[in-house]
Each structure stands twice: as structure tokens, then as C-alpha cells.
C-alpha atoms as a PDB file:
ATOM      1  CA  MET A   1     -39.625   5.030  -9.878  1.00  0.00           C
ATOM      2  CA  LEU A   2     -40.170   3.512  -6.501  1.00  0.00           C
ATOM      3  CA  GLN A   3     -37.033   1.346  -6.823  1.00  0.00           C
ATOM      4  CA  HIS A   4     -35.060   4.429  -7.921  1.00  0.00           C
ATOM      5  CA  TRP A   5     -35.947   6.337  -4.733  1.00  0.00           C
ATOM      6  CA  ILE A   6     -35.385   3.339  -2.539  1.00  0.00           C
ATOM      7  CA  THR A   7     -31.841   3.049  -4.120  1.00  0.00           C
ATOM      8  CA  MET A   8     -31.156   6.755  -3.506  1.00  0.00           C
ATOM      9  CA  LEU A   9     -32.298   6.643   0.083  1.00  0.00           C
ATOM     10  CA  LEU A  10     -29.882   3.531   0.766  1.00  0.00           C
ATOM     11  CA  LEU A  11     -27.039   5.456  -0.661  1.00  0.00           C
ATOM     12  CA  ALA A  12     -27.801   8.491   1.259  1.00  0.00           C
ATOM     13  CA  VAL A  13     -28.105   6.862   4.666  1.00  0.00           C
ATOM     14  CA  SER A  14     -25.933   3.879   4.475  1.00  0.00           C
ATOM     15  CA  PRO A  15     -22.416   4.954   2.823  1.00  0.00           C
ATOM     16  CA  LEU A  16     -20.785   1.812   4.277  1.00  0.00           C
ATOM     17  CA  LEU A  17     -23.089  -0.649   2.804  1.00  0.00           C
ATOM     18  CA  GLY A  18     -20.494  -1.185  -0.212  1.00  0.00           C
ATOM     19  CA  LEU A  19     -22.936  -0.392  -3.014  1.00  0.00           C
ATOM     20  CA  LEU A  20     -21.185   0.956  -6.012  1.00  0.00           C
ATOM     21  CA  PRO A  21     -22.744   4.034  -7.364  1.00  0.00           C
ATOM     22  CA  SER A  22     -23.452   2.532 -10.853  1.00  0.00           C
ATOM     23  CA  GLN A  23     -25.113  -0.512  -8.993  1.00  0.00           C
ATOM     24  CA  ALA A  24     -22.917  -2.655 -11.122  1.00  0.00           C
ATOM     25  CA  PRO A  25     -22.029  -6.188  -9.608  1.00  0.00           C
ATOM     26  CA  ALA A  26     -19.159  -5.686  -7.058  1.00  0.00           C
ATOM     27  CA  PRO A  27     -15.782  -6.861  -8.233  1.00  0.00           C
ATOM     28  CA  ILE A  28     -14.699 -10.080  -6.432  1.00  0.00           C
ATOM     29  CA  PRO A  29     -10.941 -10.298  -5.223  1.00  0.00           C
ATOM     30  CA  SER A  30      -8.722 -12.942  -6.430  1.00  0.00           C
ATOM     31  CA  VAL A  31      -5.552 -14.200  -4.841  1.00  0.00           C
ATOM     32  CA  PHE A  32      -2.110 -13.223  -6.267  1.00  0.00           C
ATOM     33  CA  LEU A  33       0.691 -15.565  -5.491  1.00  0.00           C
ATOM     34  CA  PRO A  34       4.081 -14.607  -6.714  1.00  0.00           C
ATOM     35  CA  GLY A  35       5.880 -17.764  -6.671  1.00  0.00           C
ATOM     36  CA  ASP A  36       4.250 -19.422  -3.463  1.00  0.00           C
ATOM     37  CA  ALA A  37       1.654 -19.016  -0.722  1.00  0.00           C
ATOM     38  CA  GLY A  38       4.195 -17.601   1.964  1.00  0.00           C
ATOM     39  CA  ASP A  39       3.356 -14.654   4.405  1.00  0.00           C
ATOM     40  CA  SER A  40       3.396 -11.633   1.809  1.00  0.00           C
ATOM     41  CA  ALA A  41       2.176  -8.003   1.617  1.00  0.00           C
ATOM     42  CA  SER A  42       2.643  -4.816  -0.380  1.00  0.00           C
ATOM     43  CA  PRO A  43       3.530  -5.909  -3.869  1.00  0.00           C
ATOM     44  CA  ALA A  44       5.372  -3.068  -5.940  1.00  0.00           C
ATOM     45  CA  PHE A  45       5.522  -3.904  -9.649  1.00  0.00           C
ATOM     46  CA  THR A  46       8.047  -2.552 -12.248  1.00  0.00           C
ATOM     47  CA  PRO A  47       6.399  -0.440 -14.929  1.00  0.00           C
ATOM     48  CA  ASP A  48       6.150  -3.548 -17.402  1.00  0.00           C
ATOM     49  CA  GLY A  49       4.691  -5.799 -14.747  1.00  0.00           C
ATOM     50  CA  GLU A  50       7.296  -8.516 -15.266  1.00  0.00           C
ATOM     51  CA  SER A  51       9.040  -8.046 -11.792  1.00  0.00           C
ATOM     52  CA  VAL A  52       7.296  -7.598  -8.271  1.00  0.00           C
ATOM     53  CA  TYR A  53       9.032  -6.610  -5.015  1.00  0.00           C
ATOM     54  CA  PHE A  54       7.087  -7.420  -1.852  1.00  0.00           C
ATOM     55  CA  MET A  55       7.190  -7.645   1.896  1.00  0.00           C
ATOM     56  CA  ARG A  56       7.495 -11.254   3.384  1.00  0.00           C
ATOM     57  CA  GLY A  57       7.529 -12.072   7.233  1.00  0.00           C
ATOM     58  CA  THR A  58      10.593 -14.038   8.324  1.00  0.00           C
ATOM     59  CA  ASP A  59      11.888 -15.410  11.595  1.00  0.00           C
ATOM     60  CA  HIS A  60      13.765 -12.343  11.916  1.00  0.00           C
ATOM     61  CA  GLY A  61      10.864  -9.805  11.285  1.00  0.00           C
ATOM     62  CA  ALA A  62      10.471  -9.098   7.595  1.00  0.00           C
ATOM     63  CA  ALA A  63      12.456  -8.873   4.113  1.00  0.00           C
ATOM     64  CA  VAL A  64      11.879  -7.425   0.614  1.00  0.00           C
ATOM     65  CA  MET A  65      11.419 -10.262  -1.855  1.00  0.00           C
ATOM     66  CA  GLU A  66      11.652 -10.108  -5.420  1.00  0.00           C
ATOM     67  CA  SER A  67      10.052 -12.390  -8.204  1.00  0.00           C
ATOM     68  CA  HIS A  68      10.149 -12.295 -11.853  1.00  0.00           C
ATOM     69  CA  ARG A  69       7.720 -13.514 -14.368  1.00  0.00           C
ATOM     70  CA  VAL A  70       9.310 -16.064 -16.919  1.00  0.00           C
ATOM     71  CA  HIS A  71       7.419 -17.651 -19.661  1.00  0.00           C
ATOM     72  CA  GLY A  72       4.119 -16.515 -17.875  1.00  0.00           C
ATOM     73  CA  THR A  73       5.110 -18.001 -14.472  1.00  0.00           C
ATOM     74  CA  TRP A  74       6.404 -16.264 -11.397  1.00  0.00           C
ATOM     75  CA  THR A  75       9.775 -17.474 -10.352  1.00  0.00           C
ATOM     76  CA  PRO A  76      10.237 -18.612  -6.594  1.00  0.00           C
ATOM     77  CA  PRO A  77      10.787 -15.471  -4.587  1.00  0.00           C
ATOM     78  CA  THR A  78      14.139 -14.645  -3.481  1.00  0.00           C
ATOM     79  CA  VAL A  79      15.546 -11.937  -0.991  1.00  0.00           C
ATOM     80  CA  ALA A  80      16.026  -8.581  -2.813  1.00  0.00           C
ATOM     81  CA  PRO A  81      19.723  -7.601  -2.978  1.00  0.00           C
ATOM     82  CA  PHE A  82      19.226  -4.537  -0.774  1.00  0.00           C
ATOM     83  CA  SER A  83      17.414  -6.583   2.037  1.00  0.00           C
ATOM     84  CA  GLY A  84      17.643  -9.649   4.036  1.00  0.00           C
ATOM     85  CA  HIS A  85      19.580  -8.543   7.199  1.00  0.00           C
ATOM     86  CA  TRP A  86      17.250  -5.855   8.827  1.00  0.00           C
ATOM     87  CA  ARG A  87      13.491  -5.786   9.191  1.00  0.00           C
ATOM     88  CA  ASP A  88      12.330  -4.334   5.844  1.00  0.00           C
ATOM     89  CA  GLY A  89       9.101  -3.961   4.189  1.00  0.00           C
ATOM     90  CA  ASP A  90       6.571  -1.681   2.490  1.00  0.00           C
ATOM     91  CA  PRO A  91       8.366  -1.480  -0.904  1.00  0.00           C
ATOM     92  CA  SER A  92       6.994   1.116  -3.313  1.00  0.00           C
ATOM     93  CA  MET A  93       8.083   1.634  -6.794  1.00  0.00           C
ATOM     94  CA  ALA A  94       8.486   4.958  -8.584  1.00  0.00           C
ATOM     95  CA  PRO A  95       6.026   5.078 -11.391  1.00  0.00           C
ATOM     96  CA  ASP A  96       8.806   4.989 -13.877  1.00  0.00           C
ATOM     97  CA  GLY A  97      10.603   2.298 -12.267  1.00  0.00           C
ATOM     98  CA  SER A  98      13.771   4.333 -11.615  1.00  0.00           C
ATOM     99  CA  PHE A  99      13.987   3.892  -7.832  1.00  0.00           C
ATOM    100  CA  LEU A 100      12.265   2.119  -4.983  1.00  0.00           C
ATOM    101  CA  VAL A 101      11.313   3.505  -1.552  1.00  0.00           C
ATOM    102  CA  PHE A 102      10.925   1.115   1.532  1.00  0.00           C
ATOM    103  CA  ALA A 103      10.724   1.062   5.285  1.00  0.00           C
ATOM    104  CA  SER A 104      13.418  -0.477   7.582  1.00  0.00           C
ATOM    105  CA  ASN A 105      14.704  -0.473  11.030  1.00  0.00           C
ATOM    106  CA  ARG A 106      18.240  -0.543   9.879  1.00  0.00           C
ATOM    107  CA  PRO A 107      20.792   1.597  11.617  1.00  0.00           C
ATOM    108  CA  LEU A 108      21.571   5.219  10.653  1.00  0.00           C
ATOM    109  CA  GLU A 109      25.294   4.388  10.760  1.00  0.00           C
ATOM    110  CA  LYS A 110      26.884   1.541   9.210  1.00  0.00           C
ATOM    111  CA  ASP A 111      27.999  -0.426  12.278  1.00  0.00           C
ATOM    112  CA  GLY A 112      25.258   0.818  14.494  1.00  0.00           C
ATOM    113  CA  GLN A 113      22.182  -1.077  15.984  1.00  0.00           C
ATOM    114  CA  ALA A 114      18.593  -1.279  14.648  1.00  0.00           C
ATOM    115  CA  ILE A 115      16.780   1.808  15.313  1.00  0.00           C
ATOM    116  CA  ASP A 116      13.933   1.768  18.305  1.00  0.00           C
ATOM    117  CA  ALA A 117      10.566   3.020  18.225  1.00  0.00           C
ATOM    118  CA  VAL A 118       9.029   5.083  20.980  1.00  0.00           C
ATOM    119  CA  ARG A 119       5.105   5.072  21.371  1.00  0.00           C
ATOM    120  CA  ASN A 120       3.139   6.750  24.336  1.00  0.00           C
ATOM    121  CA  GLY A 121       6.609   7.185  26.125  1.00  0.00           C
ATOM    122  CA  GLN A 122       7.454   3.358  25.838  1.00  0.00           C
ATOM    123  CA  ARG A 123      10.629   2.266  23.990  1.00  0.00           C
ATOM    124  CA  TYR A 124      10.533  -0.762  21.781  1.00  0.00           C
ATOM    125  CA  THR A 125      14.004  -1.975  20.916  1.00  0.00           C
ATOM    126  CA  GLY A 126      14.627  -2.457  17.360  1.00  0.00           C
ATOM    127  CA  MET A 127      11.228  -1.817  16.147  1.00  0.00           C
ATOM    128  CA  GLY A 128      11.586   1.628  14.689  1.00  0.00           C
ATOM    129  CA  MET A 129      10.937   2.280  11.010  1.00  0.00           C
ATOM    130  CA  ASN A 130      12.558   4.996   8.644  1.00  0.00           C
ATOM    131  CA  LEU A 131      12.176   5.248   4.884  1.00  0.00           C
ATOM    132  CA  TRP A 132      15.081   4.435   2.669  1.00  0.00           C
ATOM    133  CA  ARG A 133      15.682   4.763  -1.224  1.00  0.00           C
ATOM    134  CA  THR A 134      17.531   2.529  -3.723  1.00  0.00           C
ATOM    135  CA  ASP A 135      17.932   3.597  -7.102  1.00  0.00           C
ATOM    136  CA  ARG A 136      17.880   1.210 -10.275  1.00  0.00           C
ATOM    137  CA  ARG A 137      21.269   0.312 -11.627  1.00  0.00           C
ATOM    138  CA  GLY A 138      21.132  -1.534 -14.770  1.00  0.00           C
ATOM    139  CA  ASN A 139      19.722  -5.026 -13.567  1.00  0.00           C
ATOM    140  CA  GLY A 140      20.424  -4.190  -9.969  1.00  0.00           C
ATOM    141  CA  TRP A 141      19.906  -1.682  -7.185  1.00  0.00           C
ATOM    142  CA  SER A 142      22.032   0.951  -5.544  1.00  0.00           C
ATOM    143  CA  GLU A 143      23.077   0.833  -1.808  1.00  0.00           C
ATOM    144  CA  PRO A 144      20.068   2.230  -0.079  1.00  0.00           C
ATOM    145  CA  VAL A 145      20.081   5.828   1.388  1.00  0.00           C
ATOM    146  CA  ARG A 146      17.923   6.913   4.323  1.00  0.00           C
ATOM    147  CA  LEU A 147      15.610   9.812   3.202  1.00  0.00           C
ATOM    148  CA  SER A 148      16.154  13.083   4.879  1.00  0.00           C
ATOM    149  CA  ASP A 149      14.664  14.202   8.437  1.00  0.00           C
ATOM    150  CA  ALA A 150      12.143  16.117   6.563  1.00  0.00           C
ATOM    151  CA  ILE A 151      10.566  12.685   5.910  1.00  0.00           C
ATOM    152  CA  ASN A 152      11.934  10.581   8.689  1.00  0.00           C
ATOM    153  CA  ALA A 153      10.860  13.170  11.604  1.00  0.00           C
ATOM    154  CA  CYS A 154      10.304  10.195  13.927  1.00  0.00           C
ATOM    155  CA  ASN A 155      11.187   6.344  14.075  1.00  0.00           C
ATOM    156  CA  ASN A 156       7.551   5.292  13.121  1.00  0.00           C
ATOM    157  CA  THR A 157       7.552   6.165   9.297  1.00  0.00           C
ATOM    158  CA  PHE A 158       6.291   3.716   6.912  1.00  0.00           C
ATOM    159  CA  ALA A 159       4.024   2.865   4.049  1.00  0.00           C
ATOM    160  CA  PRO A 160       5.283   5.172   1.071  1.00  0.00           C
ATOM    161  CA  SER A 161       3.703   5.744  -2.134  1.00  0.00           C
ATOM    162  CA  ILE A 162       5.296   7.643  -4.864  1.00  0.00           C
ATOM    163  CA  ALA A 163       3.458   9.874  -7.424  1.00  0.00           C
ATOM    164  CA  ALA A 164       4.652  10.699 -10.612  1.00  0.00           C
ATOM    165  CA  ASP A 165       5.771  14.492  -9.767  1.00  0.00           C
ATOM    166  CA  GLY A 166       8.068  12.814  -7.100  1.00  0.00           C
ATOM    167  CA  SER A 167       6.077  13.641  -4.125  1.00  0.00           C
ATOM    168  CA  LEU A 168       5.752  11.110  -1.560  1.00  0.00           C
ATOM    169  CA  TYR A 169       2.726   9.979   0.710  1.00  0.00           C
ATOM    170  CA  TYR A 170       3.532   8.056   3.918  1.00  0.00           C
ATOM    171  CA  ILE A 171       2.409   7.399   7.336  1.00  0.00           C
ATOM    172  CA  GLY A 172       4.416   9.244   9.879  1.00  0.00           C
ATOM    173  CA  CYS A 173       4.204  11.409  13.061  1.00  0.00           C
ATOM    174  CA  ALA A 174       1.995  14.384  12.642  1.00  0.00           C
ATOM    175  CA  PRO A 175       2.662  17.613  14.675  1.00  0.00           C
ATOM    176  CA  ASP A 176       0.353  16.324  17.259  1.00  0.00           C
ATOM    177  CA  GLY A 177       2.395  13.181  17.673  1.00  0.00           C
ATOM    178  CA  VAL A 178      -0.307  10.947  16.159  1.00  0.00           C
ATOM    179  CA  LEU A 179       0.420   8.703  13.213  1.00  0.00           C
ATOM    180  CA  ARG A 180      -1.168  10.111  10.311  1.00  0.00           C
ATOM    181  CA  PRO A 181      -1.178  10.102   6.369  1.00  0.00           C
ATOM    182  CA  LEU A 182       1.444  12.723   5.317  1.00  0.00           C
ATOM    183  CA  HIS A 183       2.367  14.276   1.861  1.00  0.00           C
ATOM    184  CA  ALA A 184       5.952  15.693   1.181  1.00  0.00           C
ATOM    185  CA  THR A 185       6.377  17.526  -2.116  1.00  0.00           C
ATOM    186  CA  TYR A 186       9.802  16.894  -3.980  1.00  0.00           C
ATOM    187  CA  GLU A 187      11.368  20.380  -4.999  1.00  0.00           C
ATOM    188  CA  ASN A 188      14.898  21.429  -6.149  1.00  0.00           C
ATOM    189  CA  GLY A 189      16.102  17.809  -5.669  1.00  0.00           C
ATOM    190  CA  ARG A 190      15.093  17.337  -2.108  1.00  0.00           C
ATOM    191  CA  TYR A 191      11.747  16.510  -0.098  1.00  0.00           C
ATOM    192  CA  GLN A 192      10.076  19.298   1.833  1.00  0.00           C
ATOM    193  CA  PRO A 193       8.646  18.314   5.312  1.00  0.00           C
ATOM    194  CA  GLY A 194       5.565  16.421   5.164  1.00  0.00           C
ATOM    195  CA  TYR A 195       2.173  17.836   6.027  1.00  0.00           C
ATOM    196  CA  VAL A 196      -0.968  15.948   7.055  1.00  0.00           C
ATOM    197  CA  VAL A 197      -3.264  14.855   4.318  1.00  0.00           C
ATOM    198  CA  ALA A 198      -6.837  15.920   4.944  1.00  0.00           C
ATOM    199  CA  LEU A 199      -8.560  12.668   4.691  1.00  0.00           C
ATOM    200  CA  GLY A 200     -11.675  11.482   6.426  1.00  0.00           C
ATOM    201  CA  ASP A 201     -12.923  12.915   9.595  1.00  0.00           C
ATOM    202  CA  LYS A 202     -10.878  13.869  12.675  1.00  0.00           C
ATOM    203  CA  ASP A 203     -11.538  10.390  14.439  1.00  0.00           C
ATOM    204  CA  ALA A 204     -10.586   8.363  11.297  1.00  0.00           C
ATOM    205  CA  ILE A 205      -7.465   6.033  11.808  1.00  0.00           C
ATOM    206  CA  ILE A 206      -5.867   5.709   8.371  1.00  0.00           C
ATOM    207  CA  ARG A 207      -2.951   3.522   7.205  1.00  0.00           C
ATOM    208  CA  ASP A 208      -1.272   2.301   4.127  1.00  0.00           C
ATOM    209  CA  VAL A 209      -2.043   5.076   1.582  1.00  0.00           C
ATOM    210  CA  ALA A 210      -1.747   4.139  -2.208  1.00  0.00           C
ATOM    211  CA  VAL A 211      -1.849   7.102  -4.420  1.00  0.00           C
ATOM    212  CA  SER A 212      -2.316   6.977  -8.187  1.00  0.00           C
ATOM    213  CA  PRO A 213       0.628   8.463 -10.155  1.00  0.00           C
ATOM    214  CA  ASP A 214      -1.322  11.483 -11.125  1.00  0.00           C
ATOM    215  CA  ARG A 215      -2.678  11.893  -7.651  1.00  0.00           C
ATOM    216  CA  SER A 216      -6.481  11.752  -8.988  1.00  0.00           C
ATOM    217  CA  PHE A 217      -7.287   9.154  -6.337  1.00  0.00           C
ATOM    218  CA  MET A 218      -5.940   7.016  -3.414  1.00  0.00           C
ATOM    219  CA  VAL A 219      -6.777   3.816  -1.699  1.00  0.00           C
ATOM    220  CA  PHE A 220      -6.175   3.318   1.951  1.00  0.00           C
ATOM    221  CA  SER A 221      -7.088   1.364   5.065  1.00  0.00           C
ATOM    222  CA  ILE A 222      -9.323   3.159   7.491  1.00  0.00           C
ATOM    223  CA  LYS A 223     -11.268   2.648  10.775  1.00  0.00           C
ATOM    224  CA  HIS A 224     -12.790   4.753  13.538  1.00  0.00           C
ATOM    225  CA  ASP A 225     -12.080   2.799  16.633  1.00  0.00           C
ATOM    226  CA  ALA A 226      -8.945   0.773  17.697  1.00  0.00           C
ATOM    227  CA  LYS A 227     -11.122  -2.334  18.087  1.00  0.00           C
ATOM    228  CA  GLN A 228     -12.453  -2.285  14.546  1.00  0.00           C
ATOM    229  CA  PRO A 229     -10.942  -4.108  11.705  1.00  0.00           C
ATOM    230  CA  TYR A 230      -9.377  -1.990   8.845  1.00  0.00           C
ATOM    231  CA  ARG A 231     -11.386  -1.732   5.891  1.00  0.00           C
ATOM    232  CA  LEU A 232     -10.336  -0.496   2.346  1.00  0.00           C
ATOM    233  CA  ALA A 233     -11.816   2.785   1.031  1.00  0.00           C
ATOM    234  CA  ILE A 234     -11.097   5.117  -1.943  1.00  0.00           C
ATOM    235  CA  ALA A 235     -11.084   8.873  -2.000  1.00  0.00           C
ATOM    236  CA  PHE A 236     -10.690  11.326  -5.013  1.00  0.00           C
ATOM    237  CA  HIS A 237      -8.959  14.492  -5.354  1.00  0.00           C
ATOM    238  CA  SER A 238     -11.021  17.506  -5.876  1.00  0.00           C
ATOM    239  CA  ALA A 239     -10.539  21.375  -5.994  1.00  0.00           C
ATOM    240  CA  ASN A 240     -11.312  21.300  -2.191  1.00  0.00           C
ATOM    241  CA  ASN A 241      -8.613  18.597  -1.539  1.00  0.00           C
ATOM    242  CA  TRP A 242      -9.811  14.953  -0.980  1.00  0.00           C
ATOM    243  CA  SER A 243     -13.347  13.646  -1.174  1.00  0.00           C
ATOM    244  CA  ALA A 244     -15.041  11.877   1.695  1.00  0.00           C
ATOM    245  CA  PRO A 245     -13.773   8.258   1.905  1.00  0.00           C
ATOM    246  CA  GLU A 246     -15.846   5.639   0.118  1.00  0.00           C
ATOM    247  CA  ASP A 247     -15.752   2.049   1.490  1.00  0.00           C
ATOM    248  CA  LEU A 248     -14.999  -0.562  -1.158  1.00  0.00           C
ATOM    249  CA  GLY A 249     -17.766  -2.735   0.258  1.00  0.00           C
ATOM    250  CA  ASP A 250     -18.129  -6.293   1.756  1.00  0.00           C
ATOM    251  CA  ALA A 251     -17.206  -8.032  -1.435  1.00  0.00           C
ATOM    252  CA  VAL A 252     -13.585  -6.547  -1.019  1.00  0.00           C
ATOM    253  CA  ASN A 253     -13.485  -6.086   2.871  1.00  0.00           C
ATOM    254  CA  ALA A 254     -14.997  -9.445   3.979  1.00  0.00           C
ATOM    255  CA  GLY A 255     -13.475 -12.804   4.775  1.00  0.00           C
ATOM    256  CA  GLY A 256     -10.427 -11.663   7.007  1.00  0.00           C
ATOM    257  CA  THR A 257      -9.713  -9.713  10.188  1.00  0.00           C
ATOM    258  CA  HIS A 258      -8.031  -6.884   8.394  1.00  0.00           C
ATOM    259  CA  HIS A 259      -7.323  -5.477   4.899  1.00  0.00           C
ATOM    260  CA  MET A 260      -4.058  -3.498   4.811  1.00  0.00           C
ATOM    261  CA  GLY A 261      -0.989  -2.751   2.443  1.00  0.00           C
ATOM    262  CA  SER A 262      -2.828  -0.862  -0.471  1.00  0.00           C
ATOM    263  CA  GLN A 263      -0.796  -0.989  -3.679  1.00  0.00           C
ATOM    264  CA  LEU A 264      -1.772  -0.243  -7.100  1.00  0.00           C
ATOM    265  CA  GLY A 265      -0.705  -2.656  -9.978  1.00  0.00           C
ATOM    266  CA  CYS A 266       1.113  -1.228 -12.979  1.00  0.00           C
ATOM    267  CA  ASP A 267      -2.117  -0.699 -14.896  1.00  0.00           C
ATOM    268  CA  ARG A 268      -3.085   1.861 -12.291  1.00  0.00           C
ATOM    269  CA  ARG A 269      -6.501   0.196 -12.217  1.00  0.00           C
ATOM    270  CA  THR A 270      -5.943  -2.867 -10.053  1.00  0.00           C
ATOM    271  CA  LEU A 271      -5.741  -2.737  -6.382  1.00  0.00           C
ATOM    272  CA  TYR A 272      -3.509  -5.283  -4.520  1.00  0.00           C
ATOM    273  CA  PHE A 273      -3.915  -5.788  -0.834  1.00  0.00           C
ATOM    274  CA  SER A 274      -3.146  -7.880   1.969  1.00  0.00           C
ATOM    275  CA  THR A 275      -5.432  -9.874   4.273  1.00  0.00           C
ATOM    276  CA  ASP A 276      -5.666 -13.147   6.174  1.00  0.00           C
ATOM    277  CA  ARG A 277      -8.787 -14.188   4.494  1.00  0.00           C
ATOM    278  CA  SER A 278      -8.769 -18.018   3.428  1.00  0.00           C
ATOM    279  CA  LEU A 279      -7.017 -19.084   0.280  1.00  0.00           C
ATOM    280  CA  PRO A 280      -9.400 -20.463  -2.375  1.00  0.00           C
ATOM    281  CA  ALA A 281      -9.484 -24.272  -2.892  1.00  0.00           C
ATOM    282  CA  GLY A 282      -6.680 -25.433  -4.785  1.00  0.00           C
ATOM    283  CA  ALA A 283      -4.323 -22.435  -4.176  1.00  0.00           C
ATOM    284  CA  ALA A 284      -0.805 -23.539  -3.399  1.00  0.00           C
ATOM    285  CA  THR A 285      -0.370 -23.698   0.400  1.00  0.00           C
ATOM    286  CA  SER A 286       3.177 -25.031   0.891  1.00  0.00           C
ATOM    287  CA  GLY A 287       4.523 -23.558   4.164  1.00  0.00           C
ATOM    288  CA  ALA A 288       1.433 -21.261   4.674  1.00  0.00           C
ATOM    289  CA  LYS A 289      -0.086 -20.848   8.035  1.00  0.00           C
ATOM    290  CA  SER A 290      -3.895 -20.288   8.651  1.00  0.00           C
ATOM    291  CA  ASP A 291      -3.221 -16.675  10.163  1.00  0.00           C
ATOM    292  CA  ASP A 292      -0.786 -15.578   7.292  1.00  0.00           C
ATOM    293  CA  ASP A 293      -1.419 -12.619   5.223  1.00  0.00           C
ATOM    294  CA  HIS A 294      -1.568 -13.272   1.430  1.00  0.00           C
ATOM    295  CA  ILE A 295      -1.717 -10.686  -1.526  1.00  0.00           C
ATOM    296  CA  TRP A 296      -5.017 -10.293  -2.981  1.00  0.00           C
ATOM    297  CA  ARG A 297      -6.198  -8.118  -6.036  1.00  0.00           C
ATOM    298  CA  VAL A 298      -9.430  -6.550  -7.225  1.00  0.00           C
ATOM    299  CA  SER A 299     -10.358  -4.130 -10.037  1.00  0.00           C
ATOM    300  CA  LEU A 300     -11.116  -0.499  -9.192  1.00  0.00           C
ATOM    301  CA  VAL A 301     -12.718   0.132 -12.521  1.00  0.00           C
ATOM    302  CA  PRO A 302     -16.327   0.535 -11.159  1.00  0.00           C
ATOM    303  CA  TRP A 303     -15.173   3.181  -8.748  1.00  0.00           C
ATOM    304  CA  LEU A 304     -12.941   5.089 -11.390  1.00  0.00           C
ATOM    305  CA  GLU A 305     -15.557   4.966 -13.974  1.00  0.00           C
ATOM    306  CA  GLU A 306     -18.215   6.659 -11.648  1.00  0.00           C
ATOM    307  CA  HIS A 307     -15.387   9.537 -11.422  1.00  0.00           C
ATOM    308  CA  GLY A 308     -14.457   9.459 -15.111  1.00  0.00           C
ATOM    309  CA  LEU A 309     -10.987   8.112 -14.319  1.00  0.00           C
ATOM    310  CA  ALA A 310     -11.019   4.403 -15.927  1.00  0.00           C
ATOM    311  CA  ARG A 311      -8.847   5.415 -18.639  1.00  0.00           C
ATOM    312  CA  SER A 312      -6.147   2.702 -19.762  1.00  0.00           C
ATOM    313  CA  GLY A 313      -3.040   2.185 -17.767  1.00  0.00           C
ATOM    314  CA  SER A 314       0.518   1.443 -19.141  1.00  0.00           C
ATOM    315  CA  ALA A 315       0.441  -0.160 -22.556  1.00  0.00           C
ATOM    316  CA  PHE A 316       3.368  -2.371 -21.533  1.00  0.00           C
ATOM    317  CA  CYS A 317       1.901  -3.507 -18.181  1.00  0.00           C
ATOM    318  CA  THR A 318       1.297  -7.309 -18.191  1.00  0.00           C
ATOM    319  CA  ALA A 319       1.102  -8.096 -14.449  1.00  0.00           C
ATOM    320  CA  SER A 320      -1.288 -10.803 -13.489  1.00  0.00           C
END
């Protein structure tokens, strides 16, 4: 009985200790290296888990890469056909695999210049980001199309996540000018203007939201001070919007200076994220630098079970 009350007290006063409500052992992240150990982030899987699109740092900024699993082994990554010239990243796959949304600084006009970013009155040449969409065409992809101004209300729009109802979660400029998580519904063939997602307290700085297809939960990076590292947390949808963020604990958030780029695997129960934590002994390190980000994964089942959400994902998903 005493142990029970001690546990309850710890949970009440220390929500950031990372203790799972069920007191089950915390899942330990493992590294995911699609093809090699290059600087990588934000993996977006096809529904069957046999292809992955992800962001990779390059000498020119970043590109969206693709890798395919052949006979159980991921192929060496190559630049996706719709990327490679501009600074592209943050790919997000529609749950049915029919289209992909990504962030890019590519120009609005065909022969224009990369878009600029403006932050706190300061202009950053070529550092802007808008969201673009490319549709699946057989084994290839269509020419990317910029999403409307309802989404790209400013040139600091990135980190998309697509729900099954077609709605879009992303980071963009809120009415107060601050970068916040936004949600845009999809109605009559077009996106409606994004509105701020009520997530965490007013001082929370939130980035890289990954929402489940049914919008029952989301995982994201959060901190409360610019000098703090970003940590991964989860929130659940309720009748009163979103629950308070639950920190994923030190087993997930330790070992690096940041934890970003939340993405859900095709099973909807595995979290993929990016961090600069050290690679495990024996991992391929060709071309890797000590401060590179790599993709890691961890099971969300303990948190989902606590909320009755740990049902099976896609029957065809084989990502590993």
C-alpha cells in the first residue's frame, strides 16, 4: 500500500519524470538507418512500409531522399525525383499513400528565386519555407504544386502531418505572428485557413507535430524556454480538445541535444524521430559526422495502451 501511494505521489508532482502510467519498463529507442548513416530526419513511409522518403542535409541545404526495401535490405538513398535543386525537407505521406506534402524554399514562379524568410523584422535570403504537394503517378510523382495561401500564410511554414480526413497539421505563423502548431481542414476540395491547435500551456514552444491518421493522438517536440532542448511528448484527443502533453521520458529523450522531426511509422504505433545522440557500436558510420542527426524509432504502445489506443496498424505494413 505504501509503495502504491508513493508511486501516485510521484506521478502527481513530477509529470516530467518519464514514468509510464502502467509502470511498465520504458521502451528503448533503436537506430533506423535507411541505406546508410548520413545526416537524416523525418522519414515518411508508404502504407506497405516498403519505401521511405526522408530529409537529408546536403552542401546546398537539404533534399528529400528515397530508399526502397529489396529482399529485406534498404537500398542506398537517392534524391527523390521532385527534389534535389532547392532546399527541401519534412516530407509527410498521406495515410493512403496517394500524395506527399513537403516543405521547400523553391520559388513561387518557375524561373524565380528561392523565397526569403522574415523573422523579427530581419530578412534571411533564400531561407523561407512553404508547403508543396506532389501526387503519386504510377511508380512516380507529379510536378509539385504549392499549397494555397490559406496554408502558406507566411514564408515560415513547415513540418506537415496529414490526417486520414485530408486535414493538415503543420507549423506556421499564428495571428500573433508566433510560430505555432496549426490545423487546416480540407473541405470541398480545398484547405481552409489554419487555426492554432490548443496544445500545452501558453508558454510552450512546440514543433514538428505528427498526428495519427484518426487524429486520436499526436507526438511533437516541446520546450518552455529557448535555451532548453526540445523533448518529445504525446497528447491525446478528447471531448475538450487535446490533453496535457505527456513527456516520453528520459529513455526516449536522453542522449542528444535535441529530439525533433516526429513521424509515425506505417503501423501507426512506432514513433520515428531525429536526434544527434551517438550511434550504437557497430552501426554503419560511413560519411557520418559526430553532430549529424540520425533517425531513431521507439514503440508508443505503452502510452497508447494506457488510453485504449494500441490496436493493430496496417496489416500490410512491414517497415523495420
